[in-house]
Amino acid sequence: MSTYTTAELSVDVNGEKRELLTLLQDLRNLLKIAARNLSDEQARKQSTVSTLTIGAPDQAPRPR
């Protein structure tokens, strides 16, 4: 399986599970590259109708 980044796993797994974990690590690395020069305000901005953002929300998390 080829990746866009040097995705390395910290656990020893094989087969489909390894491929999935490698893919997720690679995507995480790509997101970190895309977000590295954003200000906190830019990272928190909701640029689509989705509630997902790259950065942390403005308010503190609710207690569980």
N, C-alpha and C. Protein backbone atom coordinates (compact mmCIF):
# COMPACT_ATOMS: atom_id res chain seq x y z
N MET A 1 0.85 -1.18 0.00
CA MET A 1 0.00 0.00 0.00
C MET A 1 0.88 1.23 0.00
N SER A 2 0.67 2.15 -0.94
CA SER A 2 1.46 3.37 -0.96
C SER A 2 0.72 4.48 -0.23
N THR A 3 1.50 5.38 0.35
CA THR A 3 0.93 6.50 1.09
C THR A 3 1.54 7.81 0.58
N TYR A 4 0.91 8.90 0.90
CA TYR A 4 1.40 10.22 0.50
C TYR A 4 2.43 10.75 1.49
N THR A 5 2.38 10.28 2.72
CA THR A 5 3.31 10.71 3.75
C THR A 5 4.03 9.48 4.29
N THR A 6 4.97 9.69 5.18
CA THR A 6 5.66 8.56 5.79
C THR A 6 4.87 8.09 7.00
N ALA A 7 3.76 7.45 6.73
CA ALA A 7 2.88 6.96 7.79
C ALA A 7 3.49 5.71 8.41
N GLU A 8 3.77 5.79 9.71
CA GLU A 8 4.31 4.65 10.44
C GLU A 8 3.40 4.33 11.60
N LEU A 9 3.17 3.05 11.81
CA LEU A 9 2.28 2.62 12.89
C LEU A 9 3.10 2.32 14.15
N SER A 10 2.49 2.61 15.30
CA SER A 10 3.15 2.34 16.57
C SER A 10 2.71 1.01 17.16
N VAL A 11 1.90 0.27 16.43
CA VAL A 11 1.43 -1.04 16.87
C VAL A 11 1.76 -2.08 15.80
N ASP A 12 1.84 -3.34 16.21
CA ASP A 12 2.17 -4.42 15.30
C ASP A 12 0.89 -5.14 14.88
N VAL A 13 0.39 -4.83 13.68
CA VAL A 13 -0.81 -5.47 13.14
C VAL A 13 -0.53 -5.88 11.70
N ASN A 14 -1.37 -6.76 11.18
CA ASN A 14 -1.19 -7.26 9.81
C ASN A 14 -2.51 -7.20 9.05
N GLY A 15 -2.39 -7.40 7.75
CA GLY A 15 -3.56 -7.54 6.90
C GLY A 15 -4.36 -6.27 6.73
N GLU A 16 -5.68 -6.46 6.64
CA GLU A 16 -6.60 -5.35 6.37
C GLU A 16 -6.56 -4.30 7.48
N LYS A 17 -6.39 -4.75 8.72
CA LYS A 17 -6.31 -3.81 9.84
C LYS A 17 -5.10 -2.89 9.68
N ARG A 18 -3.98 -3.43 9.26
CA ARG A 18 -2.78 -2.63 9.05
C ARG A 18 -3.01 -1.61 7.93
N GLU A 19 -3.64 -2.06 6.84
CA GLU A 19 -3.92 -1.15 5.72
C GLU A 19 -4.82 0.00 6.16
N LEU A 20 -5.85 -0.30 6.93
CA LEU A 20 -6.77 0.72 7.39
C LEU A 20 -6.08 1.71 8.33
N LEU A 21 -5.30 1.19 9.28
CA LEU A 21 -4.59 2.07 10.21
C LEU A 21 -3.55 2.93 9.49
N THR A 22 -2.89 2.36 8.49
CA THR A 22 -1.91 3.13 7.71
C THR A 22 -2.62 4.23 6.93
N LEU A 23 -3.76 3.92 6.33
CA LEU A 23 -4.53 4.93 5.60
C LEU A 23 -4.97 6.06 6.53
N LEU A 24 -5.48 5.72 7.70
CA LEU A 24 -5.92 6.75 8.66
C LEU A 24 -4.75 7.62 9.12
N GLN A 25 -3.59 7.00 9.38
CA GLN A 25 -2.41 7.77 9.78
C GLN A 25 -1.96 8.69 8.65
N ASP A 26 -1.99 8.21 7.43
CA ASP A 26 -1.61 9.01 6.28
C ASP A 26 -2.55 10.22 6.13
N LEU A 27 -3.86 9.98 6.25
CA LEU A 27 -4.82 11.08 6.14
C LEU A 27 -4.64 12.09 7.27
N ARG A 28 -4.35 11.61 8.47
CA ARG A 28 -4.07 12.51 9.60
C ARG A 28 -2.85 13.37 9.31
N ASN A 29 -1.81 12.77 8.77
CA ASN A 29 -0.60 13.52 8.42
C ASN A 29 -0.90 14.58 7.36
N LEU A 30 -1.71 14.23 6.35
CA LEU A 30 -2.06 15.20 5.32
C LEU A 30 -2.87 16.37 5.88
N LEU A 31 -3.76 16.09 6.82
CA LEU A 31 -4.53 17.15 7.45
C LEU A 31 -3.62 18.08 8.26
N LYS A 32 -2.65 17.51 8.95
CA LYS A 32 -1.71 18.32 9.71
C LYS A 32 -0.88 19.22 8.79
N ILE A 33 -0.50 18.69 7.63
CA ILE A 33 0.25 19.49 6.65
C ILE A 33 -0.62 20.64 6.15
N ALA A 34 -1.87 20.36 5.83
CA ALA A 34 -2.78 21.39 5.31
C ALA A 34 -3.06 22.48 6.33
N ALA A 35 -3.05 22.13 7.62
CA ALA A 35 -3.42 23.08 8.67
C ALA A 35 -2.24 23.78 9.32
N ARG A 36 -1.03 23.44 8.96
CA ARG A 36 0.13 23.91 9.72
C ARG A 36 0.33 25.42 9.76
N ASN A 37 -0.10 26.17 8.76
CA ASN A 37 0.10 27.62 8.76
C ASN A 37 -1.17 28.41 9.03
N LEU A 38 -2.22 27.74 9.48
CA LEU A 38 -3.47 28.43 9.78
C LEU A 38 -3.41 29.09 11.16
N SER A 39 -4.01 30.25 11.26
CA SER A 39 -4.16 30.88 12.57
C SER A 39 -5.25 30.12 13.33
N ASP A 40 -5.34 30.34 14.64
CA ASP A 40 -6.40 29.69 15.43
C ASP A 40 -7.77 30.07 14.90
N GLU A 41 -7.92 31.33 14.53
CA GLU A 41 -9.21 31.80 14.00
C GLU A 41 -9.56 31.10 12.69
N GLN A 42 -8.59 30.96 11.81
CA GLN A 42 -8.83 30.27 10.54
C GLN A 42 -9.17 28.80 10.77
N ALA A 43 -8.51 28.16 11.72
CA ALA A 43 -8.74 26.74 11.99
C ALA A 43 -10.13 26.50 12.57
N ARG A 44 -10.66 27.49 13.32
CA ARG A 44 -11.99 27.34 13.94
C ARG A 44 -13.12 27.71 12.99
N LYS A 45 -12.82 28.36 11.88
CA LYS A 45 -13.84 28.84 10.95
C LYS A 45 -14.61 27.67 10.32
N GLN A 46 -15.92 27.80 10.29
CA GLN A 46 -16.78 26.82 9.61
C GLN A 46 -17.05 27.35 8.21
N SER A 47 -16.32 26.85 7.24
CA SER A 47 -16.45 27.37 5.88
C SER A 47 -17.51 26.65 5.06
N THR A 48 -18.16 25.66 5.65
CA THR A 48 -19.24 24.95 4.97
C THR A 48 -20.41 24.81 5.94
N VAL A 49 -21.49 24.18 5.52
CA VAL A 49 -22.64 23.98 6.40
C VAL A 49 -22.34 22.96 7.49
N SER A 50 -21.27 22.20 7.35
CA SER A 50 -20.88 21.21 8.35
C SER A 50 -20.40 21.89 9.62
N THR A 51 -20.56 21.23 10.75
CA THR A 51 -20.05 21.76 12.01
C THR A 51 -18.60 21.39 12.25
N LEU A 52 -18.02 20.61 11.35
CA LEU A 52 -16.62 20.21 11.50
C LEU A 52 -15.68 21.37 11.23
N THR A 53 -14.64 21.48 12.03
CA THR A 53 -13.58 22.46 11.83
C THR A 53 -12.25 21.76 12.01
N ILE A 54 -11.18 22.41 11.60
CA ILE A 54 -9.85 21.85 11.78
C ILE A 54 -9.36 22.09 13.20
N GLY A 55 -9.72 23.24 13.77
CA GLY A 55 -9.25 23.60 15.10
C GLY A 55 -10.28 23.33 16.17
N ALA A 56 -9.91 23.70 17.39
CA ALA A 56 -10.79 23.52 18.54
C ALA A 56 -11.94 24.53 18.49
N PRO A 57 -13.08 24.19 19.07
CA PRO A 57 -14.21 25.13 19.10
C PRO A 57 -13.89 26.33 20.00
N ASP A 58 -14.66 27.41 19.83
CA ASP A 58 -14.46 28.62 20.62
C ASP A 58 -14.74 28.40 22.10
N GLN A 59 -15.74 27.60 22.42
CA GLN A 59 -16.11 27.42 23.81
C GLN A 59 -15.40 26.21 24.43
N ALA A 60 -15.34 26.21 25.73
CA ALA A 60 -14.73 25.09 26.45
C ALA A 60 -15.64 23.86 26.33
N PRO A 61 -15.06 22.66 26.34
CA PRO A 61 -15.88 21.46 26.24
C PRO A 61 -16.81 21.31 27.45
N ARG A 62 -17.98 20.73 27.19
CA ARG A 62 -18.94 20.49 28.27
C ARG A 62 -18.47 19.36 29.16
N PRO A 63 -18.67 19.48 30.48
CA PRO A 63 -18.29 18.38 31.38
C PRO A 63 -19.15 17.16 31.12
N ARG A 64 -18.59 15.98 31.33
CA ARG A 64 -19.32 14.73 31.09
C ARG A 64 -20.03 14.28 32.32
